[in-house]
C-alpha atoms as a PDB file:
ATOM      1  CA  MET A   1      36.894  36.590  16.592  1.00  0.00           C
ATOM      2  CA  PRO A   2      39.746  34.147  15.963  1.00  0.00           C
ATOM      3  CA  PHE A   3      37.942  31.981  13.422  1.00  0.00           C
ATOM      4  CA  ALA A   4      35.788  34.573  11.651  1.00  0.00           C
ATOM      5  CA  ARG A   5      35.857  34.577   7.866  1.00  0.00           C
ATOM      6  CA  SER A   6      37.738  37.434   6.261  1.00  0.00           C
ATOM      7  CA  PRO A   7      36.583  38.842   2.905  1.00  0.00           C
ATOM      8  CA  ALA A   8      37.206  36.278   0.155  1.00  0.00           C
ATOM      9  CA  GLY A   9      36.095  35.725  -3.389  1.00  0.00           C
ATOM     10  CA  PRO A  10      33.864  32.925  -4.652  1.00  0.00           C
ATOM     11  CA  ARG A  11      35.050  29.354  -4.299  1.00  0.00           C
ATOM     12  CA  SER A  12      37.083  28.212  -7.280  1.00  0.00           C
ATOM     13  CA  ASP A  13      36.909  24.775  -8.860  1.00  0.00           C
ATOM     14  CA  GLN A  14      40.660  24.695  -8.257  1.00  0.00           C
ATOM     15  CA  THR A  15      40.144  24.973  -4.504  1.00  0.00           C
ATOM     16  CA  PRO A  16      40.377  21.578  -2.779  1.00  0.00           C
ATOM     17  CA  ALA A  17      37.221  20.616  -0.920  1.00  0.00           C
ATOM     18  CA  HIS A  18      39.232  18.629   1.632  1.00  0.00           C
ATOM     19  CA  VAL A  19      42.695  19.529   2.911  1.00  0.00           C
ATOM     20  CA  ALA A  20      44.508  17.257   5.363  1.00  0.00           C
ATOM     21  CA  ILE A  21      47.619  18.321   7.262  1.00  0.00           C
ATOM     22  CA  ILE A  22      50.432  16.361   8.892  1.00  0.00           C
ATOM     23  CA  MET A  23      51.621  18.912  11.438  1.00  0.00           C
ATOM     24  CA  ASP A  24      55.323  18.154  11.807  1.00  0.00           C
ATOM     25  CA  GLY A  25      58.255  19.987  13.328  1.00  0.00           C
ATOM     26  CA  ASN A  26      57.217  21.282  16.749  1.00  0.00           C
ATOM     27  CA  GLY A  27      60.174  19.701  18.521  1.00  0.00           C
ATOM     28  CA  ARG A  28      62.708  20.850  15.934  1.00  0.00           C
ATOM     29  CA  TRP A  29      61.267  24.367  16.027  1.00  0.00           C
ATOM     30  CA  ALA A  30      61.798  24.524  19.782  1.00  0.00           C
ATOM     31  CA  LYS A  31      65.259  22.944  19.669  1.00  0.00           C
ATOM     32  CA  ALA A  32      66.459  25.432  17.041  1.00  0.00           C
ATOM     33  CA  ARG A  33      65.533  28.236  19.451  1.00  0.00           C
ATOM     34  CA  GLY A  34      66.903  26.643  22.610  1.00  0.00           C
ATOM     35  CA  LEU A  35      63.387  26.204  23.986  1.00  0.00           C
ATOM     36  CA  PRO A  36      61.757  23.177  25.653  1.00  0.00           C
ATOM     37  CA  ARG A  37      59.738  20.888  23.379  1.00  0.00           C
ATOM     38  CA  PHE A  38      56.586  21.956  25.179  1.00  0.00           C
ATOM     39  CA  GLU A  39      56.976  25.465  23.800  1.00  0.00           C
ATOM     40  CA  GLY A  40      57.096  24.038  20.293  1.00  0.00           C
ATOM     41  CA  HIS A  41      53.858  22.157  20.925  1.00  0.00           C
ATOM     42  CA  ARG A  42      52.244  25.274  22.423  1.00  0.00           C
ATOM     43  CA  ARG A  43      53.179  27.321  19.368  1.00  0.00           C
ATOM     44  CA  GLY A  44      51.888  24.446  17.249  1.00  0.00           C
ATOM     45  CA  VAL A  45      48.410  24.957  18.736  1.00  0.00           C
ATOM     46  CA  GLU A  46      48.557  28.574  17.587  1.00  0.00           C
ATOM     47  CA  ALA A  47      49.366  27.282  14.091  1.00  0.00           C
ATOM     48  CA  VAL A  48      46.266  25.058  14.257  1.00  0.00           C
ATOM     49  CA  ARG A  49      44.172  28.170  14.903  1.00  0.00           C
ATOM     50  CA  ARG A  50      45.737  29.859  11.881  1.00  0.00           C
ATOM     51  CA  ALA A  51      45.099  26.800   9.710  1.00  0.00           C
ATOM     52  CA  VAL A  52      41.422  26.758  10.693  1.00  0.00           C
ATOM     53  CA  ARG A  53      41.133  30.463   9.884  1.00  0.00           C
ATOM     54  CA  SER A  54      42.793  29.892   6.504  1.00  0.00           C
ATOM     55  CA  ALA A  55      40.513  26.977   5.681  1.00  0.00           C
ATOM     56  CA  ILE A  56      37.469  29.132   6.405  1.00  0.00           C
ATOM     57  CA  ASP A  57      38.849  32.105   4.483  1.00  0.00           C
ATOM     58  CA  HIS A  58      39.642  30.019   1.396  1.00  0.00           C
ATOM     59  CA  ASP A  59      36.346  28.116   1.475  1.00  0.00           C
ATOM     60  CA  VAL A  60      37.789  24.687   2.147  1.00  0.00           C
ATOM     61  CA  ARG A  61      34.941  22.404   3.202  1.00  0.00           C
ATOM     62  CA  PHE A  62      36.898  19.825   5.237  1.00  0.00           C
ATOM     63  CA  LEU A  63      40.148  20.259   7.164  1.00  0.00           C
ATOM     64  CA  THR A  64      41.720  17.172   8.744  1.00  0.00           C
ATOM     65  CA  ILE A  65      44.545  17.654  11.234  1.00  0.00           C
ATOM     66  CA  TYR A  66      46.778  14.826  12.436  1.00  0.00           C
ATOM     67  CA  THR A  67      46.892  15.795  16.101  1.00  0.00           C
ATOM     68  CA  PHE A  68      48.047  12.607  17.833  1.00  0.00           C
ATOM     69  CA  SER A  69      48.933   9.295  16.262  1.00  0.00           C
ATOM     70  CA  SER A  70      48.510   5.917  17.908  1.00  0.00           C
ATOM     71  CA  GLU A  71      52.325   5.683  17.918  1.00  0.00           C
ATOM     72  CA  ASN A  72      52.685   8.957  19.862  1.00  0.00           C
ATOM     73  CA  TRP A  73      51.876   7.155  23.115  1.00  0.00           C
ATOM     74  CA  ARG A  74      55.455   5.838  22.958  1.00  0.00           C
ATOM     75  CA  ARG A  75      56.813   9.320  23.645  1.00  0.00           C
ATOM     76  CA  PRO A  76      58.069  10.173  27.151  1.00  0.00           C
ATOM     77  CA  ALA A  77      55.221  10.220  29.667  1.00  0.00           C
ATOM     78  CA  ASP A  78      55.763  13.863  30.590  1.00  0.00           C
ATOM     79  CA  GLU A  79      55.538  14.933  26.944  1.00  0.00           C
ATOM     80  CA  VAL A  80      52.344  12.906  26.421  1.00  0.00           C
ATOM     81  CA  ALA A  81      50.848  14.528  29.521  1.00  0.00           C
ATOM     82  CA  LEU A  82      51.718  17.972  28.182  1.00  0.00           C
ATOM     83  CA  LEU A  83      50.159  17.153  24.809  1.00  0.00           C
ATOM     84  CA  MET A  84      46.968  15.965  26.502  1.00  0.00           C
ATOM     85  CA  GLY A  85      46.906  19.185  28.496  1.00  0.00           C
ATOM     86  CA  LEU A  86      47.197  21.248  25.326  1.00  0.00           C
ATOM     87  CA  LEU A  87      44.392  19.295  23.692  1.00  0.00           C
ATOM     88  CA  LYS A  88      42.120  19.847  26.673  1.00  0.00           C
ATOM     89  CA  ARG A  89      42.963  23.544  26.753  1.00  0.00           C
ATOM     90  CA  PHE A  90      42.318  23.908  23.013  1.00  0.00           C
ATOM     91  CA  ILE A  91      38.863  22.346  23.308  1.00  0.00           C
ATOM     92  CA  ARG A  92      37.927  24.328  26.412  1.00  0.00           C
ATOM     93  CA  VAL A  93      39.184  27.649  25.021  1.00  0.00           C
ATOM     94  CA  ASP A  94      38.338  27.339  21.334  1.00  0.00           C
ATOM     95  CA  LEU A  95      35.265  25.126  21.119  1.00  0.00           C
ATOM     96  CA  ALA A  96      32.790  27.958  21.734  1.00  0.00           C
ATOM     97  CA  GLU A  97      34.468  30.070  19.040  1.00  0.00           C
ATOM     98  CA  LEU A  98      34.454  27.185  16.577  1.00  0.00           C
ATOM     99  CA  HIS A  99      30.771  26.620  17.277  1.00  0.00           C
ATOM    100  CA  LYS A 100      30.001  30.333  16.838  1.00  0.00           C
ATOM    101  CA  ASN A 101      31.601  30.194  13.402  1.00  0.00           C
ATOM    102  CA  PHE A 102      29.560  27.136  12.357  1.00  0.00           C
ATOM    103  CA  VAL A 103      32.531  24.750  12.415  1.00  0.00           C
ATOM    104  CA  ARG A 104      31.595  21.115  12.842  1.00  0.00           C
ATOM    105  CA  VAL A 105      34.098  18.968  14.750  1.00  0.00           C
ATOM    106  CA  ARG A 106      34.562  15.317  13.870  1.00  0.00           C
ATOM    107  CA  VAL A 107      36.992  12.931  15.541  1.00  0.00           C
ATOM    108  CA  ILE A 108      38.549   9.896  13.876  1.00  0.00           C
ATOM    109  CA  GLY A 109      40.774   7.362  15.581  1.00  0.00           C
ATOM    110  CA  GLU A 110      40.546   4.630  18.197  1.00  0.00           C
ATOM    111  CA  ARG A 111      38.486   5.680  21.222  1.00  0.00           C
ATOM    112  CA  GLU A 112      38.665   2.504  23.246  1.00  0.00           C
ATOM    113  CA  GLY A 113      41.078   2.901  26.140  1.00  0.00           C
ATOM    114  CA  LEU A 114      41.319   6.694  25.999  1.00  0.00           C
ATOM    115  CA  PRO A 115      41.469   8.535  29.341  1.00  0.00           C
ATOM    116  CA  PRO A 116      37.858   9.275  30.340  1.00  0.00           C
ATOM    117  CA  ASP A 117      38.386  13.038  30.566  1.00  0.00           C
ATOM    118  CA  ILE A 118      39.873  13.187  27.059  1.00  0.00           C
ATOM    119  CA  LEU A 119      37.114  11.007  25.609  1.00  0.00           C
ATOM    120  CA  ALA A 120      34.450  13.185  27.251  1.00  0.00           C
ATOM    121  CA  LEU A 121      35.919  16.351  25.763  1.00  0.00           C
ATOM    122  CA  LEU A 122      36.140  14.868  22.271  1.00  0.00           C
ATOM    123  CA  GLU A 123      32.536  13.689  22.458  1.00  0.00           C
ATOM    124  CA  GLU A 124      31.433  17.084  23.799  1.00  0.00           C
ATOM    125  CA  ALA A 125      33.056  18.813  20.820  1.00  0.00           C
ATOM    126  CA  GLU A 126      31.268  16.512  18.392  1.00  0.00           C
ATOM    127  CA  GLN A 127      27.890  16.787  20.095  1.00  0.00           C
ATOM    128  CA  LEU A 128      27.932  20.570  20.447  1.00  0.00           C
ATOM    129  CA  THR A 129      28.822  21.169  16.800  1.00  0.00           C
ATOM    130  CA  ARG A 130      27.060  18.253  15.119  1.00  0.00           C
ATOM    131  CA  ASP A 131      24.446  20.405  13.345  1.00  0.00           C
ATOM    132  CA  ASN A 132      26.867  23.064  12.094  1.00  0.00           C
ATOM    133  CA  CYS A 133      27.117  23.445   8.323  1.00  0.00           C
ATOM    134  CA  GLY A 134      30.351  25.385   7.864  1.00  0.00           C
ATOM    135  CA  LEU A 135      33.877  23.971   7.808  1.00  0.00           C
ATOM    136  CA  THR A 136      34.153  20.399   9.085  1.00  0.00           C
ATOM    137  CA  LEU A 137      37.262  20.131  11.259  1.00  0.00           C
ATOM    138  CA  VAL A 138      38.296  16.473  11.390  1.00  0.00           C
ATOM    139  CA  VAL A 139      40.555  15.751  14.349  1.00  0.00           C
ATOM    140  CA  ALA A 140      42.644  12.608  13.866  1.00  0.00           C
ATOM    141  CA  PHE A 141      43.375  11.641  17.469  1.00  0.00           C
ATOM    142  CA  ASN A 142      44.872   8.336  18.620  1.00  0.00           C
ATOM    143  CA  TYR A 143      44.746   7.599  14.912  1.00  0.00           C
ATOM    144  CA  GLY A 144      46.740   5.144  12.848  1.00  0.00           C
ATOM    145  CA  SER A 145      45.725   4.304   9.298  1.00  0.00           C
ATOM    146  CA  ARG A 146      46.863   0.671   9.381  1.00  0.00           C
ATOM    147  CA  HIS A 147      44.756   0.059  12.483  1.00  0.00           C
ATOM    148  CA  GLU A 148      41.820   1.786  10.815  1.00  0.00           C
ATOM    149  CA  ILE A 149      42.166  -0.455   7.744  1.00  0.00           C
ATOM    150  CA  VAL A 150      42.493  -3.634   9.811  1.00  0.00           C
ATOM    151  CA  SER A 151      39.438  -2.652  11.871  1.00  0.00           C
ATOM    152  CA  ALA A 152      37.454  -2.043   8.689  1.00  0.00           C
ATOM    153  CA  ALA A 153      38.522  -5.450   7.364  1.00  0.00           C
ATOM    154  CA  ARG A 154      37.367  -7.108  10.585  1.00  0.00           C
ATOM    155  CA  ARG A 155      33.963  -5.403  10.351  1.00  0.00           C
ATOM    156  CA  LEU A 156      33.641  -6.476   6.738  1.00  0.00           C
ATOM    157  CA  ALA A 157      34.630 -10.042   7.602  1.00  0.00           C
ATOM    158  CA  GLU A 158      32.016 -10.126  10.347  1.00  0.00           C
ATOM    159  CA  ASP A 159      29.361  -8.911   7.899  1.00  0.00           C
ATOM    160  CA  VAL A 160      30.352 -11.725   5.540  1.00  0.00           C
ATOM    161  CA  ARG A 161      30.231 -14.260   8.384  1.00  0.00           C
ATOM    162  CA  GLN A 162      26.757 -13.065   9.342  1.00  0.00           C
ATOM    163  CA  GLY A 163      25.598 -13.324   5.749  1.00  0.00           C
ATOM    164  CA  ARG A 164      24.935  -9.605   5.402  1.00  0.00           C
ATOM    165  CA  ILE A 165      27.177  -9.262   2.357  1.00  0.00           C
ATOM    166  CA  ASP A 166      28.355 -11.599  -0.408  1.00  0.00           C
ATOM    167  CA  PRO A 167      32.182 -11.718  -0.434  1.00  0.00           C
ATOM    168  CA  ASP A 168      32.172 -11.808  -4.233  1.00  0.00           C
ATOM    169  CA  ALA A 169      30.220  -8.553  -4.300  1.00  0.00           C
ATOM    170  CA  ILE A 170      32.506  -6.535  -2.007  1.00  0.00           C
ATOM    171  CA  SER A 171      33.481  -3.203  -3.574  1.00  0.00           C
ATOM    172  CA  ASP A 172      35.821  -0.347  -2.716  1.00  0.00           C
ATOM    173  CA  GLU A 173      32.749   1.527  -1.495  1.00  0.00           C
ATOM    174  CA  ASP A 174      31.828  -1.320   0.874  1.00  0.00           C
ATOM    175  CA  PHE A 175      35.285  -1.202   2.433  1.00  0.00           C
ATOM    176  CA  ALA A 176      35.404   2.608   2.641  1.00  0.00           C
ATOM    177  CA  ALA A 177      32.033   2.603   4.380  1.00  0.00           C
ATOM    178  CA  ARG A 178      33.630   0.767   7.313  1.00  0.00           C
ATOM    179  CA  LEU A 179      36.497   3.197   7.818  1.00  0.00           C
ATOM    180  CA  ASP A 180      36.491   5.874  10.523  1.00  0.00           C
ATOM    181  CA  SER A 181      36.042   8.451   7.754  1.00  0.00           C
ATOM    182  CA  ALA A 182      33.060   6.693   6.171  1.00  0.00           C
ATOM    183  CA  ASP A 183      31.011   9.829   5.552  1.00  0.00           C
ATOM    184  CA  ILE A 184      33.935  12.198   4.951  1.00  0.00           C
ATOM    185  CA  PRO A 185      35.186  12.742   1.384  1.00  0.00           C
ATOM    186  CA  ASP A 186      38.725  11.669   0.593  1.00  0.00           C
ATOM    187  CA  PRO A 187      41.305  14.458   0.871  1.00  0.00           C
ATOM    188  CA  ASP A 188      42.116  16.331  -2.313  1.00  0.00           C
ATOM    189  CA  LEU A 189      45.307  17.787  -0.855  1.00  0.00           C
ATOM    190  CA  ILE A 190      47.602  16.531   1.906  1.00  0.00           C
ATOM    191  CA  ILE A 191      50.134  18.983   3.303  1.00  0.00           C
ATOM    192  CA  ARG A 192      53.103  17.974   5.441  1.00  0.00           C
ATOM    193  CA  THR A 193      55.344  20.518   7.085  1.00  0.00           C
ATOM    194  CA  SER A 194      59.023  20.216   8.144  1.00  0.00           C
ATOM    195  CA  GLY A 195      60.286  18.967   4.778  1.00  0.00           C
ATOM    196  CA  GLU A 196      59.777  15.281   5.594  1.00  0.00           C
ATOM    197  CA  MET A 197      58.296  13.381   2.643  1.00  0.00           C
ATOM    198  CA  ARG A 198      56.171  10.541   4.006  1.00  0.00           C
ATOM    199  CA  LEU A 199      52.605   9.932   5.149  1.00  0.00           C
ATOM    200  CA  SER A 200      53.494   8.419   8.533  1.00  0.00           C
ATOM    201  CA  ASN A 201      50.491   6.080   8.722  1.00  0.00           C
ATOM    202  CA  PHE A 202      48.018   8.873   7.911  1.00  0.00           C
ATOM    203  CA  LEU A 203      44.933   8.327   5.710  1.00  0.00           C
ATOM    204  CA  LEU A 204      46.636   5.633   3.642  1.00  0.00           C
ATOM    205  CA  TRP A 205      43.426   4.388   1.997  1.00  0.00           C
ATOM    206  CA  GLN A 206      41.925   7.849   1.598  1.00  0.00           C
ATOM    207  CA  ALA A 207      45.108   9.344   0.118  1.00  0.00           C
ATOM    208  CA  ALA A 208      45.024   7.151  -3.006  1.00  0.00           C
ATOM    209  CA  TYR A 209      44.508  10.109  -5.367  1.00  0.00           C
ATOM    210  CA  ALA A 210      45.354  13.042  -3.115  1.00  0.00           C
ATOM    211  CA  GLU A 211      47.871  15.644  -4.208  1.00  0.00           C
ATOM    212  CA  LEU A 212      50.812  15.752  -1.792  1.00  0.00           C
ATOM    213  CA  VAL A 213      52.586  18.990  -0.913  1.00  0.00           C
ATOM    214  CA  PHE A 214      55.651  18.942   1.329  1.00  0.00           C
ATOM    215  CA  LEU A 215      56.573  22.313   2.799  1.00  0.00           C
ATOM    216  CA  PRO A 216      60.036  23.020   4.242  1.00  0.00           C
ATOM    217  CA  ILE A 217      58.723  25.136   7.118  1.00  0.00           C
ATOM    218  CA  LEU A 218      58.231  23.768  10.630  1.00  0.00           C
ATOM    219  CA  TRP A 219      54.664  23.546  11.887  1.00  0.00           C
ATOM    220  CA  PRO A 220      54.762  26.441  14.410  1.00  0.00           C
ATOM    221  CA  ASP A 221      55.666  28.743  11.495  1.00  0.00           C
ATOM    222  CA  PHE A 222      52.688  27.639   9.384  1.00  0.00           C
ATOM    223  CA  ASP A 223      50.525  30.604   8.421  1.00  0.00           C
ATOM    224  CA  ASP A 224      48.114  31.750   5.736  1.00  0.00           C
ATOM    225  CA  ALA A 225      50.965  32.395   3.282  1.00  0.00           C
ATOM    226  CA  ALA A 226      52.042  28.751   3.642  1.00  0.00           C
ATOM    227  CA  PHE A 227      48.441  27.590   3.242  1.00  0.00           C
ATOM    228  CA  VAL A 228      48.082  29.663   0.070  1.00  0.00           C
ATOM    229  CA  ALA A 229      51.400  28.341  -1.280  1.00  0.00           C
ATOM    230  CA  ALA A 230      50.097  24.785  -0.889  1.00  0.00           C
ATOM    231  CA  LEU A 231      46.780  25.709  -2.532  1.00  0.00           C
ATOM    232  CA  GLU A 232      48.672  27.229  -5.453  1.00  0.00           C
ATOM    233  CA  GLN A 233      50.683  24.050  -5.931  1.00  0.00           C
ATOM    234  CA  TYR A 234      47.445  22.080  -5.895  1.00  0.00           C
ATOM    235  CA  ALA A 235      45.802  24.385  -8.447  1.00  0.00           C
ATOM    236  CA  ALA A 236      48.763  23.990 -10.805  1.00  0.00           C
ATOM    237  CA  ARG A 237      48.462  20.201 -10.928  1.00  0.00           C
ATOM    238  CA  GLU A 238      46.419  18.090 -13.305  1.00  0.00           C
ATOM    239  CA  ARG A 239      44.345  15.517 -11.458  1.00  0.00           C
ATOM    240  CA  ARG A 240      43.656  12.494 -13.672  1.00  0.00           C
ATOM    241  CA  PHE A 241      42.612   9.804 -11.152  1.00  0.00           C
ATOM    242  CA  GLY A 242      44.370   7.176 -13.254  1.00  0.00           C
ATOM    243  CA  ALA A 243      42.800   8.271 -16.534  1.00  0.00           C
ATOM    244  CA  VAL A 244      44.306  10.092 -19.503  1.00  0.00           C
ATOM    245  CA  VAL A 245      43.281  13.703 -19.964  1.00  0.00           C
ATOM    246  CA  HIS A 246      43.442  14.888 -23.580  1.00  0.00           C
ATOM    247  CA  THR A 247      44.191  18.548 -24.084  1.00  0.00           C
ATOM    248  CA  THR A 248      42.366  20.455 -26.811  1.00  0.00           C
ATOM    249  CA  ALA A 249      45.535  20.681 -28.894  1.00  0.00           C
ATOM    250  CA  ALA A 250      46.156  16.960 -28.653  1.00  0.00           C
ATOM    251  CA  MET A 251      42.582  16.195 -29.613  1.00  0.00           C
ATOM    252  CA  THR A 252      42.822  18.538 -32.612  1.00  0.00           C
ATOM    253  CA  ALA A 253      46.067  16.936 -33.764  1.00  0.00           C
ATOM    254  CA  SER A 254      44.508  13.491 -33.600  1.00  0.00           C
END
């Protein structure tokens, strides 16, 4: 079973509850091997399967994958069509296996204007798995963080206009509640492959205190060893959330 859990120890406090991944490098992977870009994207889907397996094995609770950004529509039409075909194939082939392994699928991103067949598949994945209590696989599709933030601001402004909320009482929580990810915890760890060091309009609000790990490998080469390497970097970091953490030695000296 592709997504079955392999033997693993108990969940550690150093294990991130939510890992988000910017899957970068499919085209470069294919070009380096003299292959068409489509082959890079196809191999990238196989890497998604490995990432889901790793998340289950290492007891990650939420895995968000940046599958298709709102800017990706600008790519050549034939490449977009191929990407849509891969998405449809992934859902048709893998959804039953995800469901069998208690994976819940969530989709974030703009749905208005999506091709009807794509929208139907995304909604089917959410509906079928909505009661599952294992890994939550968050699929960021037609997603752009700036658009998400602007949309949340519009909803908040409308609530103010309707008198449902006092503008002087607006909190971070009020704003976050109007994002696509309203009931999803912020990512603890964001991984980007390919060596590029930027967020590319991904989870900009939610990433405020996330640990960022940039891996030099291209996405089709991502495997459990790469996942573990990122988890190890995360575990070695001290998360302070803007506060000052006093070590025992420092407290004794003071």
